[in-house]
Protein backbone atom coordinates (compact mmCIF):
# COMPACT_ATOMS: atom_id res chain seq x y z
CA UNK A 1 -45.87 15.34 32.70
CA UNK A 2 -43.01 17.51 31.93
CA UNK A 3 -41.08 19.79 34.24
CA UNK A 4 -39.02 22.42 31.78
CA UNK A 5 -37.08 24.42 34.42
CA UNK A 6 -35.21 27.95 32.65
CA UNK A 7 -32.66 28.94 35.18
CA UNK A 8 -31.97 33.03 35.66
CA UNK A 9 -32.11 35.70 38.38
CA UNK A 10 -34.98 37.59 39.16
CA UNK A 11 -35.90 40.99 39.22
CA UNK A 12 -35.72 43.89 36.17
CA UNK A 13 -31.65 44.67 36.74
CA UNK A 14 -30.89 40.22 35.05
CA UNK A 15 -33.23 40.53 32.42
CA UNK A 16 -31.24 39.88 29.53
CA UNK A 17 -27.99 38.95 30.82
CA UNK A 18 -26.07 35.97 29.82
CA UNK A 19 -26.91 33.74 32.81
CA UNK A 20 -30.90 34.42 32.38
CA UNK A 21 -30.77 32.32 29.00
CA UNK A 22 -32.67 29.69 30.58
CA UNK A 23 -35.65 32.63 31.47
CA UNK A 24 -35.83 33.40 27.94
CA UNK A 25 -36.54 29.97 26.99
CA UNK A 26 -39.10 30.05 29.08
CA UNK A 27 -40.82 32.87 27.60
CA UNK A 28 -40.56 31.92 24.72
CA UNK A 29 -42.02 28.54 25.30
CA UNK A 30 -44.97 30.71 27.40
CA UNK A 31 -45.97 32.48 24.08
CA UNK A 32 -46.17 30.13 21.36
CA UNK A 33 -48.27 27.80 23.52
CA UNK A 34 -50.79 30.35 25.51
CA UNK A 35 -49.33 30.46 28.88
CA UNK A 36 -50.34 33.77 29.79
CA UNK A 37 -50.80 33.82 33.33
CA UNK A 38 -47.69 33.20 35.67
CA UNK A 39 -48.03 31.60 39.07
CA UNK A 40 -46.50 31.68 42.12
CA UNK A 41 -45.06 28.98 43.33
CA UNK A 42 -42.35 26.66 44.64
CA UNK A 43 -40.10 29.10 45.15
CA UNK A 44 -40.79 29.83 41.00
CA UNK A 45 -42.82 31.72 38.35
CA UNK A 46 -44.64 28.51 37.06
CA UNK A 47 -46.38 28.64 33.58
CA UNK A 48 -49.09 25.46 32.88
CA UNK A 49 -50.16 24.19 29.90
CA UNK A 50 -49.87 21.62 26.86
CA UNK A 51 -47.32 21.31 24.90
CA UNK A 52 -49.01 18.81 22.21
CA UNK A 53 -50.55 15.74 24.43
CA UNK A 54 -48.82 15.97 27.37
CA UNK A 55 -48.70 18.15 30.52
CA UNK A 56 -46.61 20.57 30.55
CA UNK A 57 -45.01 22.90 33.77
CA UNK A 58 -42.62 25.71 32.73
CA UNK A 59 -40.42 26.76 35.81
CA UNK A 60 -37.93 30.15 36.12
CA UNK A 61 -36.96 29.58 39.64
CA UNK A 62 -37.41 33.07 41.93
CA UNK A 63 -34.69 32.11 44.27
CA UNK A 64 -31.63 33.83 42.05
CA UNK A 65 -29.25 30.50 40.58
CA UNK A 66 -27.48 29.57 42.98
CA UNK A 67 -30.50 28.51 44.86
CA UNK A 68 -32.23 27.02 41.44
CA UNK A 69 -32.41 23.55 43.44
CA UNK A 70 -34.63 23.94 46.17
CA UNK A 71 -37.63 25.13 43.69
CA UNK A 72 -36.51 22.67 40.52
CA UNK A 73 -36.80 19.61 43.37
CA UNK A 74 -40.28 21.78 45.55
CA UNK A 75 -41.94 21.33 42.01
CA UNK A 76 -40.92 17.89 41.49
CA UNK A 77 -41.69 16.47 44.68
CA UNK A 78 -45.30 17.88 44.57
CA UNK A 79 -45.60 16.24 41.02
CA UNK A 80 -43.84 13.15 41.61
CA UNK A 81 -41.73 13.28 38.91
CA UNK A 82 -38.82 12.01 38.28
CA UNK A 83 -35.21 13.34 37.30
CA UNK A 84 -36.39 11.72 33.83
CA UNK A 85 -39.53 14.20 33.76
CA UNK A 86 -37.11 17.32 33.96
CA UNK A 87 -35.39 19.41 31.44
CA UNK A 88 -32.66 22.55 32.55
CA UNK A 89 -32.10 25.82 30.60
CA UNK A 90 -29.11 27.06 30.86
CA UNK A 91 -26.23 28.94 29.72
CA UNK A 92 -22.38 27.57 29.10
CA UNK A 93 -19.75 29.79 28.95
CA UNK A 94 -17.69 26.72 27.35
CA UNK A 95 -19.74 26.62 23.78
CA UNK A 96 -19.62 29.51 21.72
CA UNK A 97 -22.55 31.88 21.79
CA UNK A 98 -24.94 30.80 19.57
CA UNK A 99 -24.36 26.96 19.83
CA UNK A 100 -27.11 24.91 22.13
CA UNK A 101 -26.39 20.84 23.12
CA UNK A 102 -28.65 18.40 24.50
CA UNK A 103 -26.91 16.05 27.02
CA UNK A 104 -28.74 13.34 29.48
CA UNK A 105 -26.85 14.36 32.57
CA UNK A 106 -23.56 14.92 33.62
CA UNK A 107 -21.31 16.97 35.79
CA UNK A 108 -22.66 21.08 36.35
CA UNK A 109 -19.27 22.48 34.50
CA UNK A 110 -19.17 24.53 36.98
CA UNK A 111 -22.58 26.31 36.52
CA UNK A 112 -23.93 26.73 39.98
CA UNK A 113 -27.86 26.90 39.16
CA UNK A 114 -26.86 22.70 38.03
CA UNK A 115 -24.12 22.49 41.22
CA UNK A 116 -27.71 23.10 43.35
CA UNK A 117 -30.36 20.91 41.59
CA UNK A 118 -27.41 17.87 41.88
CA UNK A 119 -27.48 18.72 45.55
CA UNK A 120 -30.93 18.72 45.98
CA UNK A 121 -32.14 15.73 43.22
CA UNK A 122 -29.01 14.08 44.75
CA UNK A 123 -27.85 13.68 41.22
CA UNK A 124 -26.60 14.72 37.95
CA UNK A 125 -28.25 12.21 35.82
CA UNK A 126 -31.37 14.84 34.45
CA UNK A 127 -31.25 15.69 31.05
CA UNK A 128 -30.44 19.66 30.49
CA UNK A 129 -30.34 21.88 27.48
CA UNK A 130 -27.08 24.65 27.25
CA UNK A 131 -27.62 27.97 25.25
CA UNK A 132 -23.12 28.82 24.39
CA UNK A 133 -22.30 32.41 25.68
CA UNK A 134 -19.16 32.35 24.94
CA UNK A 135 -16.00 32.43 27.12
CA UNK A 136 -15.73 35.39 29.67
CA UNK A 137 -12.73 38.06 28.56
CA UNK A 138 -9.41 36.79 29.93
CA UNK A 139 -10.30 41.01 31.19
CA UNK A 140 -13.52 40.42 32.83
CA UNK A 141 -14.28 37.36 35.89
CA UNK A 142 -16.76 34.83 34.51
CA UNK A 143 -19.08 36.08 37.43
CA UNK A 144 -19.28 39.78 36.14
CA UNK A 145 -19.57 38.60 32.72
CA UNK A 146 -22.40 36.58 32.97
CA UNK A 147 -24.59 38.85 34.78
CA UNK A 148 -23.57 41.59 31.94
CA UNK A 149 -25.71 42.09 29.03
CA UNK A 150 -24.70 40.29 25.28
CA UNK A 151 -22.89 42.20 22.70
CA UNK A 152 -25.34 43.96 19.87
CA UNK A 153 -23.27 40.56 17.85
CA UNK A 154 -23.50 38.11 20.32
CA UNK A 155 -27.72 39.30 20.71
CA UNK A 156 -27.97 38.93 16.76
CA UNK A 157 -26.59 35.22 17.87
CA UNK A 158 -28.53 33.75 20.41
CA UNK A 159 -31.94 35.35 19.80
CA UNK A 160 -32.77 33.04 16.58
CA UNK A 161 -30.85 30.06 19.39
CA UNK A 162 -33.53 31.16 22.11
CA UNK A 163 -36.06 30.60 19.63
CA UNK A 164 -34.26 27.47 18.49
CA UNK A 165 -33.84 25.91 22.03
CA UNK A 166 -37.88 26.18 21.94
CA UNK A 167 -38.40 24.15 19.60
CA UNK A 168 -35.47 21.15 20.89
CA UNK A 169 -37.34 21.46 23.80
CA UNK A 170 -40.53 20.54 22.27
CA UNK A 171 -38.55 17.80 20.20
CA UNK A 172 -37.34 16.60 24.07
CA UNK A 173 -41.03 16.45 25.07
CA UNK A 174 -42.40 14.46 22.41
CA UNK A 175 -39.31 12.50 21.35
CA UNK A 176 -37.12 12.00 24.11
CA UNK A 177 -33.69 13.12 24.92
CA UNK A 178 -31.96 11.25 23.16
CA UNK A 179 -34.30 11.81 19.57
CA UNK A 180 -33.68 15.49 20.99
CA UNK A 181 -29.68 15.38 20.34
CA UNK A 182 -29.76 13.47 17.53
CA UNK A 183 -31.53 16.53 16.03
CA UNK A 184 -30.21 19.43 17.71
CA UNK A 185 -26.86 18.60 18.34
CA UNK A 186 -26.32 16.94 14.76
CA UNK A 187 -27.97 20.44 13.24
CA UNK A 188 -24.29 21.78 15.71
CA UNK A 189 -22.44 19.32 14.08
CA UNK A 190 -23.05 20.38 11.05
CA UNK A 191 -22.62 23.48 11.27
CA UNK A 192 -19.00 23.01 12.02
C-alpha cells in the first residue's frame, strides 16, 4: 500500500493558489483512476483505489499547510506504513514554474508543510515530489505569494506539469523512487 499526500490549504479561497498544487495533483490522480467519492478521515479528504497492482490512498490534508504532519502521521499509523511508503507532493519556491523534482528525502527547504511532516514523523527521510512555482518577487512577501493565484503565463506552464507530476507519482508507485528520479529528474536536466 502507498500513501500519496498532496499538500495544500482547504477552502475555496485557496483553490488554484500556488500553495495548492499538491491538491491539484491528487485531484488529477483521483479522476484518472476513477476514485470519485472522497471520504473524510485522518483530518483529510481521502480517496482509496488501485493504481496498477498497488492499493493507494490519496490524501488532501484539511489541517492547513502548517499542520500537515498530523494528517500524514494519522494515515500512516492507521495503515502501518513506513516513510518509504509515502510520497509528499508540494509546491517549491526554489524551482522555476513548470519544473518538478523527486527526492528520496532531505530538508524542508523552509516549506512549513514539510517541516510539520518531519516533526510528526521524526525524520526527513521520506520521498517528496516538488513542483516549481517560481520564487516570490522582491516586492512581495513569500507567504502572500504562495497564497496567491498563478499568473496566466505561469498557469500555462503549471497545468501540463500537474499532469506530468501525476505520471511521476504513478512511476514512483510502480517502480520506486530511484526509477522515478531517473525518468522525471532526467527529463528536467535534458530541458535545461
